[in-house]
Amino acid sequence: MLRAKHPLLHGVLVPLTHRLARARTGRTVHFELVPETAAVPVAAQPR
């Protein structure tokens, strides 16, 4: 479905990226996106 809607991105670039990543690491790599905590710098905190 995505390949039909975005043929260049999902038909060419995504598979190519996956192949290059596998060639570099030798296996499938999984990434987890974790949001940062809402740390406010001391100078930016209201007084």
N, C-alpha and C. Protein backbone atom coordinates (compact mmCIF):
# COMPACT_ATOMS: atom_id res chain seq x y z
N MET A 1 0.83 -1.18 0.00
CA MET A 1 0.00 0.00 0.00
C MET A 1 0.88 1.25 0.00
N LEU A 2 1.87 1.33 0.88
CA LEU A 2 2.74 2.50 0.89
C LEU A 2 3.59 2.58 -0.37
N ARG A 3 3.97 1.43 -0.90
CA ARG A 3 4.78 1.42 -2.12
C ARG A 3 4.00 2.01 -3.29
N ALA A 4 2.71 1.77 -3.34
CA ALA A 4 1.89 2.32 -4.42
C ALA A 4 1.72 3.83 -4.24
N LYS A 5 1.63 4.28 -3.01
CA LYS A 5 1.42 5.71 -2.74
C LYS A 5 2.71 6.50 -2.87
N HIS A 6 3.84 5.93 -2.43
CA HIS A 6 5.14 6.59 -2.46
C HIS A 6 6.17 5.64 -3.10
N PRO A 7 6.14 5.48 -4.43
CA PRO A 7 6.97 4.46 -5.07
C PRO A 7 8.48 4.68 -4.92
N LEU A 8 8.94 5.91 -4.97
CA LEU A 8 10.37 6.14 -4.85
C LEU A 8 10.85 5.85 -3.44
N LEU A 9 10.13 6.36 -2.48
CA LEU A 9 10.54 6.19 -1.08
C LEU A 9 10.46 4.73 -0.64
N HIS A 10 9.28 4.13 -0.78
CA HIS A 10 9.07 2.78 -0.25
C HIS A 10 9.38 1.68 -1.25
N GLY A 11 9.55 2.02 -2.51
CA GLY A 11 9.89 1.01 -3.50
C GLY A 11 11.38 0.92 -3.74
N VAL A 12 12.12 2.01 -3.45
CA VAL A 12 13.55 2.03 -3.74
C VAL A 12 14.38 2.38 -2.50
N LEU A 13 14.12 3.53 -1.89
CA LEU A 13 14.99 4.02 -0.82
C LEU A 13 14.93 3.18 0.46
N VAL A 14 13.77 2.80 0.90
CA VAL A 14 13.66 2.01 2.13
C VAL A 14 14.30 0.63 1.97
N PRO A 15 14.00 -0.12 0.89
CA PRO A 15 14.69 -1.41 0.73
C PRO A 15 16.20 -1.26 0.58
N LEU A 16 16.66 -0.23 -0.13
CA LEU A 16 18.09 -0.01 -0.28
C LEU A 16 18.74 0.28 1.07
N THR A 17 18.09 1.10 1.87
CA THR A 17 18.61 1.40 3.21
C THR A 17 18.69 0.14 4.06
N HIS A 18 17.68 -0.71 3.98
CA HIS A 18 17.69 -1.96 4.74
C HIS A 18 18.83 -2.87 4.29
N ARG A 19 19.04 -2.96 2.98
CA ARG A 19 20.13 -3.80 2.47
C ARG A 19 21.48 -3.28 2.90
N LEU A 20 21.67 -1.96 2.83
CA LEU A 20 22.94 -1.38 3.24
C LEU A 20 23.19 -1.58 4.73
N ALA A 21 22.17 -1.43 5.53
CA ALA A 21 22.32 -1.62 6.98
C ALA A 21 22.67 -3.07 7.30
N ARG A 22 22.03 -4.02 6.62
CA ARG A 22 22.34 -5.44 6.84
C ARG A 22 23.75 -5.77 6.38
N ALA A 23 24.18 -5.17 5.28
CA ALA A 23 25.53 -5.42 4.79
C ALA A 23 26.57 -4.88 5.75
N ARG A 24 26.25 -3.78 6.40
CA ARG A 24 27.20 -3.16 7.33
C ARG A 24 27.27 -3.89 8.66
N THR A 25 26.11 -4.31 9.18
CA THR A 25 26.07 -4.94 10.50
C THR A 25 26.06 -6.46 10.43
N GLY A 26 25.63 -7.02 9.30
CA GLY A 26 25.55 -8.47 9.17
C GLY A 26 24.27 -9.05 9.71
N ARG A 27 23.40 -8.23 10.23
CA ARG A 27 22.12 -8.71 10.76
C ARG A 27 21.13 -7.56 10.81
N THR A 28 19.91 -7.88 11.14
CA THR A 28 18.89 -6.85 11.28
C THR A 28 19.13 -6.09 12.58
N VAL A 29 19.04 -4.81 12.51
CA VAL A 29 19.25 -3.97 13.69
C VAL A 29 17.94 -3.26 14.02
N HIS A 30 17.60 -3.24 15.28
CA HIS A 30 16.38 -2.59 15.74
C HIS A 30 16.74 -1.38 16.57
N PHE A 31 16.04 -0.29 16.33
CA PHE A 31 16.26 0.94 17.08
C PHE A 31 15.00 1.26 17.86
N GLU A 32 15.18 1.84 19.03
CA GLU A 32 14.05 2.26 19.84
C GLU A 32 14.18 3.76 20.06
N LEU A 33 13.13 4.50 19.72
CA LEU A 33 13.12 5.94 19.94
C LEU A 33 12.47 6.21 21.29
N VAL A 34 13.22 6.83 22.17
CA VAL A 34 12.74 7.11 23.52
C VAL A 34 12.74 8.61 23.71
N PRO A 35 11.61 9.19 24.11
CA PRO A 35 11.57 10.64 24.31
C PRO A 35 12.46 11.06 25.47
N GLU A 36 13.10 12.21 25.32
CA GLU A 36 13.91 12.73 26.40
C GLU A 36 13.01 13.26 27.51
N THR A 37 13.53 13.29 28.71
CA THR A 37 12.75 13.87 29.79
C THR A 37 12.66 15.37 29.57
N ALA A 38 11.68 15.98 30.12
CA ALA A 38 11.47 17.42 29.93
C ALA A 38 12.40 18.20 30.86
N ALA A 39 13.68 18.10 30.59
CA ALA A 39 14.67 18.82 31.40
C ALA A 39 14.78 20.26 30.88
N VAL A 40 14.56 21.20 31.76
CA VAL A 40 14.65 22.61 31.42
C VAL A 40 15.95 23.13 32.00
N PRO A 41 16.78 23.79 31.21
CA PRO A 41 18.02 24.35 31.74
C PRO A 41 17.73 25.33 32.88
N VAL A 42 18.65 25.41 33.83
CA VAL A 42 18.45 26.24 35.02
C VAL A 42 18.22 27.69 34.63
N ALA A 43 18.93 28.20 33.62
CA ALA A 43 18.79 29.59 33.20
C ALA A 43 17.44 29.88 32.60
N ALA A 44 16.74 28.86 32.05
CA ALA A 44 15.46 29.06 31.39
C ALA A 44 14.28 28.87 32.32
N GLN A 45 14.52 28.44 33.55
CA GLN A 45 13.41 28.21 34.48
C GLN A 45 12.83 29.54 34.96
N PRO A 46 11.49 29.60 35.07
CA PRO A 46 10.88 30.85 35.59
C PRO A 46 11.20 31.04 37.07
N ARG A 47 11.25 32.29 37.49
CA ARG A 47 11.55 32.59 38.91
C ARG A 47 10.33 32.94 39.69
